[in-house]
C-alpha cells in the first residue's frame, strides 16, 4: 500500500471499499496484542506459604506418616490445580491472539485486493 500511496500525485485518497477491511485489520491487531499481553501478565499461582509450612512443622511434627503424606498430597493437588487453571486461561488467550492475528492478516489481504482490483 505504501508503493501505491507514494505515487507522484500530491495527495492519496483511500478508496471507500478499502476502509472497512483496514478497520477490521486494525481492530484485530489490537485484539491480538491485548490477548498476547494477557498471556504474559504475572499471575498468582497457589503455593505452600512459608507461614503454613512453619505451622505444619511445629503443630504436625507428631502426625503419623499417613496423615503427613495426606497433607502433602492435598497441598500438591491444590498447587497443581491452580497451575492448570491459570495455564488453561493463558492458553485460551494465546489461541485467541493467534485467531485475531489471522483475521487481521486476512483483512489486510482483502484490503490489498480491493485496492489493486
Foldseek 3Di string as FASTA:
>chain_A
DVVVQPPPDPGDDQDPQLVVLQVLLVVLQVLLVVLLVVLVDDDDQDADDPVNVVCCVVPVVPPDPVVVVVVVVVRVVRRVVRVVVSVVSNVVSNVSSVVSNVSSVVSVVVSVVVVPD
